[in-house]
Protein backbone atom coordinates (compact mmCIF):
# COMPACT_ATOMS: atom_id res chain seq x y z
CA MET A 1 42.13 21.78 -34.12
CA LYS A 2 42.44 20.01 -30.53
CA ILE A 3 43.00 16.24 -30.96
CA TYR A 4 42.50 13.81 -27.92
CA VAL A 5 44.93 10.91 -27.93
CA LYS A 6 44.63 8.04 -25.41
CA ASN A 7 46.34 4.73 -24.59
CA LEU A 8 49.72 6.49 -24.12
CA PRO A 9 52.92 4.71 -22.80
CA PHE A 10 52.84 5.79 -19.18
CA HIS A 11 56.59 7.15 -19.72
CA ALA A 12 55.58 9.43 -22.47
CA ASP A 13 55.78 13.26 -21.85
CA ASP A 14 54.90 16.32 -23.73
CA LYS A 15 58.04 16.36 -25.75
CA ASP A 16 57.68 12.66 -26.89
CA LEU A 17 53.95 13.47 -27.83
CA LEU A 18 54.68 16.47 -29.90
CA GLY A 19 57.46 14.71 -31.76
CA LEU A 20 55.40 11.98 -32.90
CA PHE A 21 52.73 14.43 -33.93
CA THR A 22 55.00 16.72 -36.12
CA THR A 23 55.54 14.36 -38.56
CA PHE A 24 52.21 15.29 -39.98
CA GLY A 25 52.93 19.03 -39.54
CA THR A 26 53.27 21.89 -37.38
CA ALA A 27 51.66 20.90 -34.12
CA ARG A 28 51.22 23.85 -31.73
CA ASN A 29 51.68 22.12 -28.68
CA ALA A 30 51.18 18.69 -26.90
CA THR A 31 50.14 18.09 -23.21
CA VAL A 32 50.36 14.61 -21.66
CA ILE A 33 47.77 14.48 -18.61
CA VAL A 34 49.70 13.83 -15.44
CA ASP A 35 48.40 12.07 -12.28
CA HIS A 36 49.78 14.51 -9.57
CA GLN A 37 49.42 11.94 -6.59
CA ARG A 38 51.71 9.26 -8.58
CA GLY A 39 53.63 11.77 -10.35
CA GLY A 40 53.12 9.92 -13.77
CA SER A 41 51.19 10.00 -17.00
CA ARG A 42 47.59 8.95 -16.96
CA GLY A 43 48.03 7.69 -20.44
CA PHE A 44 46.21 10.35 -22.50
CA GLY A 45 46.80 13.57 -23.77
CA PHE A 46 45.90 16.44 -26.21
CA VAL A 47 47.80 17.78 -29.40
CA GLU A 48 46.79 21.05 -30.96
CA PHE A 49 47.06 22.06 -34.64
CA ASP A 50 46.51 25.17 -36.26
CA ASP A 51 45.82 23.51 -39.58
CA PRO A 52 42.99 21.27 -39.57
CA VAL A 53 44.01 19.49 -42.59
CA GLN A 54 47.46 18.52 -41.02
CA GLY A 55 45.32 17.48 -37.80
CA ARG A 56 42.99 15.24 -39.96
CA ALA A 57 46.16 13.70 -41.30
CA ALA A 58 47.76 13.09 -38.00
CA ILE A 59 44.50 11.29 -36.88
CA ASP A 60 44.36 9.03 -39.99
CA GLY A 61 48.18 8.28 -39.76
CA LEU A 62 48.16 7.39 -36.08
CA ASN A 63 44.82 6.08 -35.17
CA GLY A 64 45.26 2.39 -34.27
CA LYS A 65 48.95 2.46 -34.82
CA GLU A 66 51.43 1.13 -32.33
CA TRP A 67 53.59 3.53 -30.63
CA GLN A 68 56.25 2.35 -28.03
CA GLY A 69 54.31 -0.89 -27.53
CA ARG A 70 50.81 0.76 -27.23
CA GLU A 71 48.03 0.90 -29.57
CA LEU A 72 47.03 4.60 -29.94
CA VAL A 73 43.41 5.77 -30.09
CA VAL A 74 43.56 9.35 -31.57
């Protein structure tokens, strides 16, 4: 299950995003999309779970929640 996450803090990286989502299960990977011209995050990314139950729990648990000063949309 691939989950789209937007409104990420611009300083967040792949490791930060993965750490946030692993509280809901075993996330396979997390990728913050980077603006290569600016060299920073574009404010969104993707997280993958093998188990759709864990993925759904992450969506339900994090959508609309504040993380590092930003309200996530998951």
